[in-house]
Amino acid sequence: MRGVFRAGRASGRLLPRVGIYRILVCRTVHTLGDSLTLTPLLEELGTVYPGAEVDIVTGCPSAQALYGAFPNVRSIFRLPTHVAGHPIGTLKALHAMRRLRYDLVIDPDPRSQSGRLLTLRAHATLSLGYAGPNKSGTLTHGVNAADVPRHRATTAVYLLRAALGEGSSAREYPPPSLRLSAEETERGRHTLARIAGAPDDRTPLRCIGLFANATRDKLLGREWWNRFLAAFEPRAADHRLIEVLPAGGRSLLDDRYPGFYCSDVRRMAAVLANLSLHISADCGVMHLAWASGAPTVGLFSVTDPVEWGPFGARSRSLDLRGTTPEQIAEMIAGMLPREPACSDAGWSPFRRSA
């Protein structure tokens, strides 16, 4: 791309607030966590252009589950995960995108060249994206990539606000969201109650979700989890611990706690939304729990929590470097609400249901 297009520049022109009704967003990432960081932009577009429709080009296999509940989203053009190996599927998605004409096309990533190429190929009156040495091709509206905020969930929203001439701190950044319905959340509550062995629907659910999986060097070893849990269990004695199982459907904690397995992204999120707290390393399920609205603690040993960690009043990122599992257990225990223990003597927080 750099051999064909010149590096883009920040234009200084403000994006109009009127006359934009058809919007295309080009974001080709395929991982769950990265894809969820696009949802704040969908919220922001609904606020700025409430009468507009949004189409999305994405490589995420779960895109419909992540974006389909947003009322302003119309069509999702999904690229194959491995574009080079699926040329026909790629061409079909690109052809469907190029058949339409848009008022605005957005490349929200300050680094991706594939998103920029799609943006340049779209039929649109206005185009918006980051400008800098790592982004090739000039758009009608460019924002200086050197000023981009570090957190990936704020990157796309900052781009839009800067293009509109709005201060980045004028309003709080919206967190990632799945827009779960009340019905989905209630079904998730009933599922969690069955997993926890609650005696009836009136019993308060004080459940903590644990997800022990992560990719490559972000994976915390069994020894780390064993030390953490030995210190954490006594401090969380009035909560039920639940293990959220990875895609393989096998416990990574030796079946120590009741397990929850689900291959459906929205059903999983609906259960996570009912947790008192979710604990996991930096991974897609951590982002999913955060987007569900559950209080979330992200454990970071490799990646930068400033860039990827959950934020907000009820969530927190912990850097494990220079700490022990016992110290982390004490920190997280301090986040738990101090509630009276369950009055039902037959329901123990650590007793497995039959």
Protein backbone atom coordinates (compact mmCIF):
# COMPACT_ATOMS: atom_id res chain seq x y z
CA MET A 1 0.00 0.00 0.00
CA ARG A 2 2.82 2.40 0.80
CA GLY A 3 4.23 1.73 -2.66
CA VAL A 4 0.95 2.68 -4.32
CA PHE A 5 -0.50 5.39 -2.09
CA ARG A 6 1.15 8.30 -0.35
CA ALA A 7 0.87 8.67 3.39
CA GLY A 8 -2.36 10.38 4.38
CA ARG A 9 -2.56 13.79 5.99
CA ALA A 10 -4.78 15.35 8.63
CA SER A 11 -7.09 17.60 6.61
CA GLY A 12 -8.29 20.05 9.25
CA ARG A 13 -11.80 19.99 7.75
CA LEU A 14 -14.65 19.32 10.14
CA LEU A 15 -17.01 16.48 9.44
CA PRO A 16 -20.60 17.73 8.90
CA ARG A 17 -23.28 16.79 11.43
CA VAL A 18 -26.07 16.86 8.86
CA GLY A 19 -26.65 15.14 5.54
CA ILE A 20 -25.07 11.82 6.57
CA TYR A 21 -27.51 8.90 6.52
CA ARG A 22 -25.61 5.97 5.03
CA ILE A 23 -22.38 5.02 6.80
CA LEU A 24 -19.87 2.22 6.16
CA VAL A 25 -17.32 1.15 8.78
CA CYS A 26 -14.31 -0.92 7.59
CA ARG A 27 -12.66 -2.94 10.36
CA THR A 28 -11.14 -6.25 9.26
CA VAL A 29 -10.06 -7.74 12.61
CA HIS A 30 -11.40 -11.22 13.41
CA THR A 31 -10.68 -11.77 17.12
CA LEU A 32 -13.48 -11.41 19.66
CA GLY A 33 -11.83 -8.86 21.94
CA ASP A 34 -10.64 -6.61 19.13
CA SER A 35 -14.04 -6.76 17.43
CA LEU A 36 -15.84 -5.74 20.62
CA THR A 37 -13.81 -2.52 20.76
CA LEU A 38 -15.78 -1.35 17.70
CA THR A 39 -19.11 -1.29 19.59
CA PRO A 40 -18.45 2.09 21.29
CA LEU A 41 -18.25 3.65 17.80
CA LEU A 42 -21.66 2.18 16.93
CA GLU A 43 -23.07 3.77 20.09
CA GLU A 44 -21.44 7.09 19.21
CA LEU A 45 -22.73 7.04 15.63
CA GLY A 46 -26.23 6.43 16.98
CA THR A 47 -25.87 9.57 19.12
CA VAL A 48 -24.32 11.83 16.48
CA TYR A 49 -26.35 10.57 13.49
CA PRO A 50 -29.54 9.13 15.03
CA GLY A 51 -31.29 8.87 11.65
CA ALA A 52 -28.47 7.03 9.86
CA GLU A 53 -27.92 3.37 8.95
CA VAL A 54 -24.54 1.72 9.44
CA ASP A 55 -23.01 -1.12 7.42
CA ILE A 56 -19.89 -2.93 8.64
CA VAL A 57 -17.10 -4.78 6.85
CA THR A 58 -15.46 -7.19 9.30
CA GLY A 59 -13.50 -10.40 9.54
CA CYS A 60 -15.05 -11.50 12.84
CA PRO A 61 -16.98 -14.81 12.64
CA SER A 62 -19.24 -13.65 15.53
CA ALA A 63 -19.98 -10.24 13.98
CA GLN A 64 -23.74 -10.77 13.78
CA ALA A 65 -23.89 -11.66 17.47
CA LEU A 66 -21.74 -8.67 18.44
CA TYR A 67 -23.28 -5.96 16.26
CA GLY A 68 -26.72 -7.22 15.26
CA ALA A 69 -28.57 -5.83 18.29
CA PHE A 70 -27.58 -2.22 17.52
CA PRO A 71 -30.64 -0.54 16.00
CA ASN A 72 -28.57 1.51 13.55
CA VAL A 73 -26.72 -1.49 12.06
CA ARG A 74 -28.20 -2.63 8.74
CA SER A 75 -25.81 -4.97 6.90
CA ILE A 76 -22.68 -6.85 7.95
CA PHE A 77 -20.25 -7.84 5.18
CA ARG A 78 -18.05 -10.58 6.63
CA LEU A 79 -14.68 -11.30 5.10
CA PRO A 80 -13.15 -14.78 5.48
CA THR A 81 -10.76 -15.09 8.42
CA HIS A 82 -7.94 -15.98 6.00
CA VAL A 83 -8.57 -13.73 3.02
CA ALA A 84 -5.79 -15.14 0.83
CA GLY A 85 -7.12 -18.67 1.18
CA HIS A 86 -10.72 -17.77 0.32
CA PRO A 87 -10.63 -15.46 -2.72
CA ILE A 88 -14.21 -16.18 -3.81
CA GLY A 89 -15.70 -15.38 -0.40
CA THR A 90 -13.58 -12.25 -0.22
CA LEU A 91 -14.66 -11.06 -3.67
CA LYS A 92 -18.33 -11.66 -2.84
CA ALA A 93 -18.11 -9.53 0.31
CA LEU A 94 -16.25 -6.76 -1.52
CA HIS A 95 -18.71 -6.81 -4.41
CA ALA A 96 -21.66 -6.50 -2.02
CA MET A 97 -19.95 -3.55 -0.31
CA ARG A 98 -19.13 -1.77 -3.58
CA ARG A 99 -22.65 -2.05 -4.98
CA LEU A 100 -23.81 0.57 -2.48
CA ARG A 101 -23.06 4.28 -2.23
CA TYR A 102 -22.44 5.87 1.16
CA ASP A 103 -22.41 9.36 2.56
CA LEU A 104 -19.51 8.46 4.85
CA VAL A 105 -17.00 5.61 5.08
CA ILE A 106 -14.85 5.22 8.21
CA ASP A 107 -11.52 3.45 8.72
CA PRO A 108 -11.35 3.52 12.55
CA ASP A 109 -8.00 1.75 13.08
CA PRO A 110 -4.82 3.87 13.29
CA ARG A 111 -2.64 0.93 12.16
CA SER A 112 -4.50 -1.38 9.77
CA GLN A 113 -3.69 -1.03 6.07
CA SER A 114 -6.37 -3.52 4.99
CA GLY A 115 -9.09 -1.35 6.52
CA ARG A 116 -7.66 1.65 4.70
CA LEU A 117 -7.64 -0.19 1.38
CA LEU A 118 -11.33 -1.11 1.81
CA THR A 119 -12.12 2.50 2.72
CA LEU A 120 -10.41 3.77 -0.43
CA ARG A 121 -12.33 1.24 -2.56
CA ALA A 122 -15.76 2.11 -1.16
CA HIS A 123 -18.15 4.40 -3.03
CA ALA A 124 -18.59 7.25 -0.57
CA THR A 125 -18.90 11.04 -0.66
CA LEU A 126 -16.88 11.52 2.54
CA SER A 127 -14.16 9.37 4.06
CA LEU A 128 -12.69 9.47 7.56
CA GLY A 129 -9.64 7.84 9.14
CA TYR A 130 -6.36 8.38 10.92
CA ALA A 131 -3.53 10.05 9.04
CA GLY A 132 0.15 9.43 9.59
CA PRO A 133 3.23 7.56 8.34
CA ASN A 134 1.63 4.15 9.00
CA LYS A 135 -1.54 4.93 7.03
CA SER A 136 -1.43 5.23 3.25
CA GLY A 137 -3.97 6.93 1.03
CA THR A 138 -5.58 10.33 1.52
CA LEU A 139 -9.17 10.63 2.75
CA THR A 140 -11.46 13.66 2.71
CA HIS A 141 -11.18 13.89 6.52
CA GLY A 142 -8.05 12.81 8.37
CA VAL A 143 -7.18 12.95 12.08
CA ASN A 144 -3.58 12.95 13.27
CA ALA A 145 -2.69 9.42 14.43
CA ALA A 146 -0.08 10.82 16.81
CA ASP A 147 -2.89 12.08 19.05
CA VAL A 148 -4.79 8.79 19.29
CA PRO A 149 -5.66 7.69 22.86
CA ARG A 150 -3.95 4.52 24.02
CA HIS A 151 -7.00 2.45 24.93
CA ARG A 152 -8.29 0.50 21.94
CA ALA A 153 -11.94 0.86 22.99
CA THR A 154 -11.67 4.67 22.74
CA THR A 155 -9.73 4.88 19.46
CA ALA A 156 -12.67 4.90 17.06
CA VAL A 157 -14.80 7.24 19.17
CA TYR A 158 -11.93 9.70 19.49
CA LEU A 159 -11.55 9.66 15.69
CA LEU A 160 -15.18 10.66 15.18
CA ARG A 161 -15.16 13.31 17.91
CA ALA A 162 -11.94 14.87 16.63
CA ALA A 163 -13.33 14.99 13.10
CA LEU A 164 -16.45 16.74 14.40
CA GLY A 165 -14.36 19.30 16.30
CA GLU A 166 -15.57 17.97 19.64
CA GLY A 167 -13.20 17.75 22.61
CA SER A 168 -12.29 14.16 23.39
CA SER A 169 -13.17 14.62 27.08
CA ALA A 170 -16.46 16.46 26.51
CA ARG A 171 -18.32 13.25 27.37
CA GLU A 172 -17.28 9.95 28.88
CA TYR A 173 -16.28 7.29 26.39
CA PRO A 174 -18.93 4.58 26.08
CA PRO A 175 -17.64 1.12 27.09
CA PRO A 176 -17.99 -1.90 24.80
CA SER A 177 -21.54 -3.24 24.78
CA LEU A 178 -23.54 -6.11 23.31
CA ARG A 179 -26.88 -4.42 23.96
CA LEU A 180 -28.28 -7.48 25.71
CA SER A 181 -32.05 -7.40 26.03
CA ALA A 182 -33.84 -7.75 29.35
CA GLU A 183 -35.12 -11.14 28.18
CA GLU A 184 -31.60 -12.35 27.37
CA THR A 185 -30.28 -11.21 30.73
CA GLU A 186 -33.14 -12.88 32.60
CA ARG A 187 -32.58 -16.17 30.80
CA GLY A 188 -28.91 -15.88 31.73
CA ARG A 189 -29.87 -15.39 35.37
CA HIS A 190 -31.92 -18.59 35.39
CA THR A 191 -29.04 -20.50 33.79
CA LEU A 192 -26.58 -19.17 36.36
CA ALA A 193 -28.97 -20.07 39.21
CA ARG A 194 -29.11 -23.68 37.99
CA ILE A 195 -25.32 -23.86 37.70
CA ALA A 196 -24.86 -22.42 41.18
CA GLY A 197 -27.43 -24.76 42.69
CA ALA A 198 -29.55 -21.94 44.10
CA PRO A 199 -32.64 -23.42 45.84
CA ASP A 200 -35.12 -20.99 44.25
CA ASP A 201 -35.41 -17.84 42.13
CA ARG A 202 -35.54 -15.65 45.23
CA THR A 203 -32.05 -16.59 46.38
CA PRO A 204 -29.61 -13.74 45.64
CA LEU A 205 -26.99 -14.82 43.12
CA ARG A 206 -23.55 -13.98 44.48
CA CYS A 207 -21.44 -15.73 41.87
CA ILE A 208 -17.88 -15.08 40.74
CA GLY A 209 -16.86 -16.28 37.29
CA LEU A 210 -13.34 -17.57 36.66
CA PHE A 211 -11.91 -18.01 33.17
CA ALA A 212 -8.48 -19.64 33.30
CA ASN A 213 -7.70 -19.74 29.57
CA ALA A 214 -5.81 -17.26 27.37
CA THR A 215 -3.68 -17.37 24.24
CA ARG A 216 0.07 -18.03 24.15
CA ASP A 217 2.11 -16.25 26.81
CA LYS A 218 -0.96 -14.55 28.32
CA LEU A 219 -2.00 -17.92 29.77
CA LEU A 220 -1.48 -18.10 33.53
CA GLY A 221 -0.22 -21.47 34.69
CA ARG A 222 -2.02 -23.93 36.94
CA GLU A 223 0.36 -23.16 39.80
CA TRP A 224 -0.58 -19.47 39.63
CA TRP A 225 -4.30 -20.26 39.74
CA ASN A 226 -3.90 -22.76 42.59
CA ARG A 227 -2.06 -20.23 44.73
CA PHE A 228 -4.54 -17.49 43.84
CA LEU A 229 -7.58 -19.63 44.66
CA ALA A 230 -6.14 -20.93 47.92
CA ALA A 231 -5.85 -17.30 49.07
CA PHE A 232 -9.06 -16.07 47.44
CA GLU A 233 -11.59 -18.72 48.54
CA PRO A 234 -11.60 -17.76 52.25
CA ARG A 235 -11.97 -14.09 51.32
CA ALA A 236 -14.96 -14.85 49.04
CA ALA A 237 -16.70 -17.31 51.37
CA ASP A 238 -20.15 -15.79 50.77
CA HIS A 239 -19.86 -16.10 46.98
CA ARG A 240 -20.26 -19.09 44.69
CA LEU A 241 -17.30 -19.65 42.36
CA ILE A 242 -18.11 -20.73 38.79
CA GLU A 243 -15.61 -21.79 36.12
CA VAL A 244 -16.34 -20.49 32.63
CA LEU A 245 -14.99 -23.19 30.33
CA PRO A 246 -12.95 -22.48 27.17
CA ALA A 247 -13.89 -23.56 23.65
CA GLY A 248 -12.55 -27.08 24.19
CA GLY A 249 -15.14 -27.68 26.91
CA ARG A 250 -12.59 -28.92 29.47
CA SER A 251 -11.92 -27.51 32.91
CA LEU A 252 -8.53 -25.87 33.46
CA LEU A 253 -9.10 -25.82 37.23
CA ASP A 254 -9.47 -29.60 37.72
CA ASP A 255 -13.29 -29.37 37.95
CA ARG A 256 -12.88 -27.65 41.27
CA TYR A 257 -16.08 -25.59 40.78
CA PRO A 258 -19.33 -25.93 38.83
CA GLY A 259 -18.62 -25.25 35.16
CA PHE A 260 -20.40 -23.29 32.46
CA TYR A 261 -19.85 -24.02 28.80
CA CYS A 262 -21.55 -22.29 25.87
CA SER A 263 -20.58 -21.88 22.22
CA ASP A 264 -23.13 -19.10 21.62
CA VAL A 265 -21.59 -15.67 22.23
CA ARG A 266 -24.79 -13.90 23.30
CA ARG A 267 -25.97 -16.72 25.58
CA MET A 268 -22.57 -16.76 27.25
CA ALA A 269 -22.63 -12.98 27.67
CA ALA A 270 -26.13 -13.15 29.20
CA VAL A 271 -24.86 -15.52 31.90
CA LEU A 272 -21.74 -13.42 32.51
CA ALA A 273 -23.93 -10.32 32.90
CA ASN A 274 -25.41 -11.82 36.08
CA LEU A 275 -22.08 -12.43 37.82
CA SER A 276 -21.09 -10.41 40.87
CA LEU A 277 -17.58 -10.39 39.42
CA HIS A 278 -15.70 -11.93 36.50
CA ILE A 279 -11.95 -12.67 36.73
CA SER A 280 -9.73 -13.64 33.83
CA ALA A 281 -6.53 -12.85 32.00
CA ASP A 282 -6.55 -10.55 28.97
CA CYS A 283 -8.59 -12.49 26.39
CA GLY A 284 -11.80 -12.38 24.36
CA VAL A 285 -13.93 -13.70 27.24
CA MET A 286 -12.64 -10.90 29.48
CA HIS A 287 -13.83 -8.37 26.88
CA LEU A 288 -17.12 -10.26 26.52
CA ALA A 289 -17.78 -10.10 30.27
CA TRP A 290 -16.96 -6.38 30.28
CA ALA A 291 -19.27 -5.78 27.30
CA SER A 292 -22.05 -7.70 29.06
CA GLY A 293 -21.97 -5.19 31.92
CA ALA A 294 -20.50 -7.56 34.51
CA PRO A 295 -17.94 -6.12 36.96
CA THR A 296 -14.72 -7.38 35.43
CA VAL A 297 -11.16 -7.79 36.66
CA GLY A 298 -8.57 -8.24 33.91
CA LEU A 299 -5.28 -9.88 34.84
CA PHE A 300 -2.37 -8.60 32.72
CA SER A 301 1.02 -10.26 32.60
CA VAL A 302 2.11 -9.48 29.02
CA THR A 303 -0.14 -6.95 27.25
CA ASP A 304 -0.59 -3.35 28.34
CA PRO A 305 -3.63 -2.83 30.63
CA VAL A 306 -3.73 0.84 29.64
CA GLU A 307 -4.37 -0.27 26.06
CA TRP A 308 -6.63 -3.27 26.63
CA GLY A 309 -7.89 -3.30 30.22
CA PRO A 310 -11.54 -2.92 31.26
CA PHE A 311 -12.38 0.52 32.64
CA GLY A 312 -15.35 2.04 34.43
CA ALA A 313 -16.70 2.33 37.93
CA ARG A 314 -17.18 -1.44 38.37
CA SER A 315 -14.21 -2.86 36.49
CA ARG A 316 -10.47 -2.86 36.98
CA SER A 317 -7.22 -3.97 35.38
CA LEU A 318 -4.44 -5.50 37.48
CA ASP A 319 -0.83 -5.75 36.32
CA LEU A 320 0.58 -9.04 37.63
CA ARG A 321 4.20 -8.11 37.07
CA GLY A 322 5.96 -7.70 40.41
CA THR A 323 3.07 -9.22 42.41
CA THR A 324 2.25 -12.62 43.88
CA PRO A 325 -0.99 -14.55 43.37
CA GLU A 326 -1.75 -14.03 47.06
CA GLN A 327 -1.45 -10.24 46.70
CA ILE A 328 -3.76 -10.30 43.67
CA ALA A 329 -6.29 -12.36 45.65
CA GLU A 330 -6.29 -9.76 48.41
CA MET A 331 -6.74 -6.90 45.93
CA ILE A 332 -9.70 -8.56 44.22
CA ALA A 333 -11.30 -9.56 47.51
CA GLY A 334 -11.32 -5.88 48.44
CA MET A 335 -13.60 -5.23 45.44
CA LEU A 336 -16.30 -7.64 46.61
CA PRO A 337 -19.46 -6.20 48.20
CA ARG A 338 -19.73 -7.16 51.83
CA GLU A 339 -23.14 -8.83 51.92
CA PRO A 340 -24.64 -11.10 54.58
CA ALA A 341 -24.19 -14.81 53.93
CA CYS A 342 -27.07 -16.72 52.33
CA SER A 343 -29.77 -17.55 54.88
CA ASP A 344 -30.48 -20.93 53.27
CA ALA A 345 -28.35 -23.38 55.25
CA GLY A 346 -28.65 -25.94 52.45
CA TRP A 347 -26.87 -23.77 49.90
CA SER A 348 -23.14 -23.40 50.40
CA PRO A 349 -21.05 -21.14 48.18
CA PHE A 350 -18.51 -23.90 47.61
CA ARG A 351 -20.73 -27.00 47.55
CA ARG A 352 -21.14 -28.52 44.10
CA SER A 353 -24.73 -29.13 43.08
CA ALA A 354 -25.73 -32.76 42.55
